[in-house]
Amino acid sequence: MRQAIVMYKEEEAGVLTQYDDGSFCFRYSDLWMADNEKPAISPTMPKTQQEVYSKFLFPFFFNMLPEGANKEVACGLLRIDADDYFGLLLAVAKVDTIGAVTVLENKI
């Protein structure tokens, strides 16, 4: 199992977990859910549910990944398997993302 802390404008919004079977769960933090002023991190991940499950990396997070030649270069330099989307997300989405969301590794 691997986990990442999902930050929104430098505040913890939730936790993204990849289970050993390759499935994923995103869970909004209790504080984020309790504050009606805090937005959803994405229109595709509304705050109507605290936990959301998927067999694949959620499209919102997948779209944060580099593509094509940029992906090849990143995977080569970082020594990450091109099919390890979660590992690549942890490596590239911790800084300099488009938008307000960053993803930080949670060493559990």
N, C-alpha and C. Protein backbone atom coordinates (compact mmCIF):
# COMPACT_ATOMS: atom_id res chain seq x y z
N MET A 1 0.85 -1.17 0.00
CA MET A 1 0.00 0.00 0.00
C MET A 1 0.90 1.24 0.00
N ARG A 2 0.49 2.22 -0.79
CA ARG A 2 1.19 3.51 -0.83
C ARG A 2 0.16 4.61 -0.64
N GLN A 3 0.61 5.71 -0.03
CA GLN A 3 -0.30 6.82 0.22
C GLN A 3 0.35 8.14 -0.15
N ALA A 4 -0.52 9.09 -0.48
CA ALA A 4 -0.08 10.44 -0.77
C ALA A 4 -1.04 11.42 -0.08
N ILE A 5 -0.48 12.51 0.38
CA ILE A 5 -1.29 13.58 0.95
C ILE A 5 -1.62 14.55 -0.19
N VAL A 6 -2.88 14.82 -0.38
CA VAL A 6 -3.32 15.72 -1.44
C VAL A 6 -3.53 17.10 -0.83
N MET A 7 -2.77 18.06 -1.34
CA MET A 7 -2.80 19.42 -0.83
C MET A 7 -3.57 20.31 -1.80
N TYR A 8 -4.35 21.24 -1.26
CA TYR A 8 -5.04 22.24 -2.06
C TYR A 8 -4.62 23.59 -1.52
N LYS A 9 -3.92 24.36 -2.33
CA LYS A 9 -3.38 25.65 -1.89
C LYS A 9 -2.64 25.53 -0.56
N GLU A 10 -1.79 24.52 -0.49
CA GLU A 10 -0.92 24.28 0.67
C GLU A 10 -1.66 23.86 1.94
N GLU A 11 -2.91 23.42 1.81
CA GLU A 11 -3.66 22.86 2.93
C GLU A 11 -4.02 21.42 2.60
N GLU A 12 -3.95 20.55 3.61
CA GLU A 12 -4.28 19.15 3.37
C GLU A 12 -5.77 18.98 3.11
N ALA A 13 -6.08 18.48 1.92
CA ALA A 13 -7.47 18.26 1.54
C ALA A 13 -7.88 16.80 1.71
N GLY A 14 -6.92 15.89 1.59
CA GLY A 14 -7.26 14.48 1.71
C GLY A 14 -6.07 13.59 1.48
N VAL A 15 -6.37 12.29 1.38
CA VAL A 15 -5.34 11.27 1.21
C VAL A 15 -5.72 10.38 0.03
N LEU A 16 -4.74 10.14 -0.83
CA LEU A 16 -4.90 9.22 -1.95
C LEU A 16 -4.13 7.95 -1.60
N THR A 17 -4.80 6.81 -1.67
CA THR A 17 -4.19 5.53 -1.32
C THR A 17 -4.22 4.60 -2.52
N GLN A 18 -3.09 3.93 -2.75
CA GLN A 18 -3.06 2.84 -3.72
C GLN A 18 -2.88 1.55 -2.93
N TYR A 19 -3.83 0.64 -3.06
CA TYR A 19 -3.78 -0.63 -2.35
C TYR A 19 -2.91 -1.63 -3.11
N ASP A 20 -2.56 -2.71 -2.44
CA ASP A 20 -1.67 -3.71 -3.04
C ASP A 20 -2.25 -4.36 -4.29
N ASP A 21 -3.57 -4.36 -4.43
CA ASP A 21 -4.19 -4.93 -5.63
C ASP A 21 -4.23 -3.93 -6.80
N GLY A 22 -3.68 -2.72 -6.59
CA GLY A 22 -3.63 -1.71 -7.64
C GLY A 22 -4.81 -0.75 -7.64
N SER A 23 -5.80 -0.99 -6.80
CA SER A 23 -6.97 -0.10 -6.74
C SER A 23 -6.63 1.14 -5.91
N PHE A 24 -7.51 2.15 -6.00
CA PHE A 24 -7.26 3.43 -5.36
C PHE A 24 -8.45 3.88 -4.52
N CYS A 25 -8.16 4.71 -3.53
CA CYS A 25 -9.18 5.36 -2.73
C CYS A 25 -8.72 6.79 -2.50
N PHE A 26 -9.62 7.74 -2.72
CA PHE A 26 -9.36 9.11 -2.30
C PHE A 26 -10.31 9.41 -1.17
N ARG A 27 -9.77 9.97 -0.07
CA ARG A 27 -10.58 10.30 1.09
C ARG A 27 -10.31 11.74 1.49
N TYR A 28 -11.37 12.56 1.46
CA TYR A 28 -11.26 13.92 1.97
C TYR A 28 -11.02 13.85 3.47
N SER A 29 -10.19 14.75 3.98
CA SER A 29 -9.94 14.80 5.42
C SER A 29 -11.22 15.26 6.13
N ASP A 30 -11.33 14.89 7.40
CA ASP A 30 -12.50 15.26 8.20
C ASP A 30 -12.66 16.79 8.26
N LEU A 31 -11.54 17.49 8.47
CA LEU A 31 -11.60 18.95 8.56
C LEU A 31 -12.03 19.58 7.24
N TRP A 32 -11.57 19.02 6.13
CA TRP A 32 -11.94 19.54 4.81
C TRP A 32 -13.43 19.34 4.56
N MET A 33 -13.92 18.18 4.92
CA MET A 33 -15.35 17.89 4.73
C MET A 33 -16.22 18.77 5.63
N ALA A 34 -15.75 19.06 6.83
CA ALA A 34 -16.55 19.82 7.79
C ALA A 34 -16.65 21.31 7.44
N ASP A 35 -15.73 21.80 6.63
CA ASP A 35 -15.71 23.23 6.29
C ASP A 35 -16.41 23.44 4.94
N ASN A 36 -17.60 24.01 4.97
CA ASN A 36 -18.36 24.22 3.74
C ASN A 36 -17.71 25.22 2.79
N GLU A 37 -16.77 26.00 3.28
CA GLU A 37 -16.05 26.96 2.44
C GLU A 37 -14.96 26.30 1.60
N LYS A 38 -14.54 25.10 2.00
CA LYS A 38 -13.49 24.39 1.27
C LYS A 38 -14.09 23.73 0.04
N PRO A 39 -13.48 23.96 -1.14
CA PRO A 39 -14.04 23.40 -2.37
C PRO A 39 -13.63 21.94 -2.57
N ALA A 40 -14.31 21.31 -3.49
CA ALA A 40 -13.87 19.99 -3.96
C ALA A 40 -12.55 20.19 -4.71
N ILE A 41 -11.69 19.19 -4.71
CA ILE A 41 -10.42 19.35 -5.43
C ILE A 41 -10.63 19.31 -6.94
N SER A 42 -11.77 18.77 -7.35
CA SER A 42 -12.08 18.67 -8.77
C SER A 42 -13.59 18.49 -8.92
N PRO A 43 -14.17 18.98 -10.00
CA PRO A 43 -15.60 18.73 -10.23
C PRO A 43 -15.92 17.24 -10.34
N THR A 44 -14.93 16.44 -10.73
CA THR A 44 -15.15 15.00 -10.85
C THR A 44 -15.01 14.28 -9.51
N MET A 45 -14.61 15.02 -8.46
CA MET A 45 -14.47 14.44 -7.12
C MET A 45 -15.17 15.35 -6.11
N PRO A 46 -16.50 15.44 -6.21
CA PRO A 46 -17.25 16.36 -5.35
C PRO A 46 -17.18 15.95 -3.88
N LYS A 47 -17.48 16.90 -3.03
CA LYS A 47 -17.45 16.66 -1.59
C LYS A 47 -18.74 15.99 -1.09
N THR A 48 -19.49 15.38 -1.96
CA THR A 48 -20.71 14.70 -1.55
C THR A 48 -20.39 13.35 -0.90
N GLN A 49 -19.22 12.81 -1.19
CA GLN A 49 -18.77 11.56 -0.59
C GLN A 49 -17.39 11.80 0.02
N GLN A 50 -17.17 11.29 1.22
CA GLN A 50 -15.86 11.48 1.84
C GLN A 50 -14.84 10.54 1.22
N GLU A 51 -15.25 9.34 0.83
CA GLU A 51 -14.35 8.38 0.21
C GLU A 51 -14.87 7.97 -1.16
N VAL A 52 -13.93 7.86 -2.10
CA VAL A 52 -14.26 7.42 -3.45
C VAL A 52 -13.25 6.34 -3.83
N TYR A 53 -13.73 5.26 -4.43
CA TYR A 53 -12.88 4.14 -4.81
C TYR A 53 -12.83 3.98 -6.32
N SER A 54 -11.71 3.44 -6.82
CA SER A 54 -11.57 3.19 -8.25
C SER A 54 -10.57 2.05 -8.47
N LYS A 55 -10.79 1.29 -9.53
CA LYS A 55 -9.83 0.24 -9.90
C LYS A 55 -8.59 0.84 -10.55
N PHE A 56 -8.71 2.08 -11.02
CA PHE A 56 -7.62 2.75 -11.72
C PHE A 56 -7.36 4.11 -11.08
N LEU A 57 -6.19 4.68 -11.37
CA LEU A 57 -5.89 6.02 -10.87
C LEU A 57 -6.96 6.97 -11.38
N PHE A 58 -7.51 7.75 -10.49
CA PHE A 58 -8.59 8.67 -10.85
C PHE A 58 -8.15 9.59 -11.99
N PRO A 59 -9.03 9.85 -12.97
CA PRO A 59 -8.66 10.70 -14.10
C PRO A 59 -8.09 12.06 -13.68
N PHE A 60 -8.61 12.64 -12.61
CA PHE A 60 -8.09 13.93 -12.15
C PHE A 60 -6.59 13.84 -11.88
N PHE A 61 -6.16 12.80 -11.19
CA PHE A 61 -4.74 12.64 -10.86
C PHE A 61 -3.94 12.17 -12.08
N PHE A 62 -4.53 11.30 -12.89
CA PHE A 62 -3.85 10.83 -14.10
C PHE A 62 -3.52 12.00 -15.03
N ASN A 63 -4.41 12.98 -15.08
CA ASN A 63 -4.20 14.14 -15.95
C ASN A 63 -3.12 15.07 -15.45
N MET A 64 -2.62 14.85 -14.25
CA MET A 64 -1.51 15.64 -13.72
C MET A 64 -0.15 15.09 -14.20
N LEU A 65 -0.16 13.92 -14.84
CA LEU A 65 1.08 13.26 -15.25
C LEU A 65 1.59 13.79 -16.58
N PRO A 66 2.91 13.78 -16.76
CA PRO A 66 3.46 14.14 -18.07
C PRO A 66 3.10 13.08 -19.10
N GLU A 67 3.14 13.48 -20.37
CA GLU A 67 2.80 12.56 -21.46
C GLU A 67 3.92 12.53 -22.49
N GLY A 68 3.87 11.54 -23.35
CA GLY A 68 4.77 11.45 -24.49
C GLY A 68 6.23 11.51 -24.10
N ALA A 69 6.98 12.35 -24.84
CA ALA A 69 8.41 12.47 -24.61
C ALA A 69 8.73 12.97 -23.21
N ASN A 70 7.90 13.86 -22.68
CA ASN A 70 8.12 14.36 -21.31
C ASN A 70 8.02 13.22 -20.29
N LYS A 71 7.07 12.32 -20.51
CA LYS A 71 6.92 11.17 -19.62
C LYS A 71 8.14 10.26 -19.72
N GLU A 72 8.59 10.01 -20.95
CA GLU A 72 9.77 9.15 -21.15
C GLU A 72 10.99 9.72 -20.44
N VAL A 73 11.20 11.02 -20.58
CA VAL A 73 12.35 11.66 -19.94
C VAL A 73 12.22 11.58 -18.42
N ALA A 74 11.04 11.92 -17.90
CA ALA A 74 10.84 11.88 -16.45
C ALA A 74 11.05 10.48 -15.89
N CYS A 75 10.47 9.49 -16.53
CA CYS A 75 10.61 8.11 -16.06
C CYS A 75 12.06 7.65 -16.13
N GLY A 76 12.76 8.03 -17.19
CA GLY A 76 14.16 7.66 -17.32
C GLY A 76 15.02 8.31 -16.26
N LEU A 77 14.87 9.60 -16.08
CA LEU A 77 15.68 10.32 -15.09
C LEU A 77 15.37 9.90 -13.66
N LEU A 78 14.09 9.64 -13.39
CA LEU A 78 13.67 9.29 -12.03
C LEU A 78 13.68 7.79 -11.76
N ARG A 79 13.97 7.02 -12.80
CA ARG A 79 14.01 5.55 -12.72
C ARG A 79 12.69 4.98 -12.21
N ILE A 80 11.63 5.42 -12.88
CA ILE A 80 10.27 4.99 -12.55
C ILE A 80 9.71 4.23 -13.75
N ASP A 81 9.12 3.09 -13.51
CA ASP A 81 8.48 2.31 -14.56
C ASP A 81 7.39 3.15 -15.21
N ALA A 82 7.31 3.16 -16.51
CA ALA A 82 6.34 3.98 -17.24
C ALA A 82 4.89 3.61 -16.89
N ASP A 83 4.66 2.40 -16.38
CA ASP A 83 3.32 1.97 -16.00
C ASP A 83 3.00 2.24 -14.53
N ASP A 84 3.96 2.80 -13.79
CA ASP A 84 3.76 3.10 -12.37
C ASP A 84 3.23 4.54 -12.25
N TYR A 85 1.95 4.69 -12.54
CA TYR A 85 1.35 6.02 -12.55
C TYR A 85 1.39 6.68 -11.17
N PHE A 86 1.16 5.89 -10.14
CA PHE A 86 1.17 6.45 -8.78
C PHE A 86 2.58 6.91 -8.41
N GLY A 87 3.59 6.11 -8.73
CA GLY A 87 4.97 6.50 -8.47
C GLY A 87 5.36 7.76 -9.22
N LEU A 88 4.92 7.85 -10.46
CA LEU A 88 5.20 9.04 -11.27
C LEU A 88 4.47 10.26 -10.69
N LEU A 89 3.24 10.06 -10.26
CA LEU A 89 2.48 11.15 -9.63
C LEU A 89 3.21 11.67 -8.39
N LEU A 90 3.69 10.76 -7.57
CA LEU A 90 4.42 11.16 -6.36
C LEU A 90 5.68 11.95 -6.70
N ALA A 91 6.31 11.59 -7.80
CA ALA A 91 7.57 12.24 -8.17
C ALA A 91 7.38 13.60 -8.80
N VAL A 92 6.33 13.78 -9.60
CA VAL A 92 6.21 15.02 -10.37
C VAL A 92 5.16 16.00 -9.85
N ALA A 93 4.24 15.55 -9.03
CA ALA A 93 3.12 16.43 -8.63
C ALA A 93 3.33 17.07 -7.26
N LYS A 94 4.55 17.02 -6.75
CA LYS A 94 4.77 17.63 -5.44
C LYS A 94 5.08 19.12 -5.54
N VAL A 95 5.48 19.57 -6.70
CA VAL A 95 5.74 21.00 -6.94
C VAL A 95 5.36 21.34 -8.37
N ASP A 96 5.14 22.61 -8.60
CA ASP A 96 4.97 23.13 -9.96
C ASP A 96 3.89 22.42 -10.77
N THR A 97 2.71 22.29 -10.19
CA THR A 97 1.60 21.69 -10.94
C THR A 97 0.73 22.81 -11.51
N ILE A 98 -0.07 22.46 -12.49
CA ILE A 98 -1.02 23.42 -13.03
C ILE A 98 -2.23 23.38 -12.10
N GLY A 99 -2.56 24.48 -11.51
CA GLY A 99 -3.69 24.52 -10.59
C GLY A 99 -3.24 24.54 -9.15
N ALA A 100 -4.18 24.32 -8.26
CA ALA A 100 -3.95 24.49 -6.83
C ALA A 100 -3.57 23.20 -6.10
N VAL A 101 -3.61 22.05 -6.80
CA VAL A 101 -3.40 20.77 -6.14
C VAL A 101 -1.97 20.27 -6.31
N THR A 102 -1.39 19.85 -5.20
CA THR A 102 -0.10 19.16 -5.22
C THR A 102 -0.27 17.84 -4.47
N VAL A 103 0.66 16.91 -4.72
CA VAL A 103 0.57 15.58 -4.13
C VAL A 103 1.91 15.27 -3.47
N LEU A 104 1.87 14.96 -2.19
CA LEU A 104 3.08 14.68 -1.42
C LEU A 104 3.06 13.25 -0.91
N GLU A 105 4.20 12.58 -0.98
CA GLU A 105 4.27 11.21 -0.50
C GLU A 105 4.03 11.17 1.00
N ASN A 106 3.20 10.22 1.42
CA ASN A 106 2.94 9.99 2.84
C ASN A 106 3.62 8.68 3.19
N LYS A 107 4.74 8.76 3.86
CA LYS A 107 5.50 7.56 4.22
C LYS A 107 4.87 6.93 5.46
N ILE A 108 4.06 5.90 5.19
CA ILE A 108 3.34 5.23 6.29
C ILE A 108 4.15 4.08 6.81
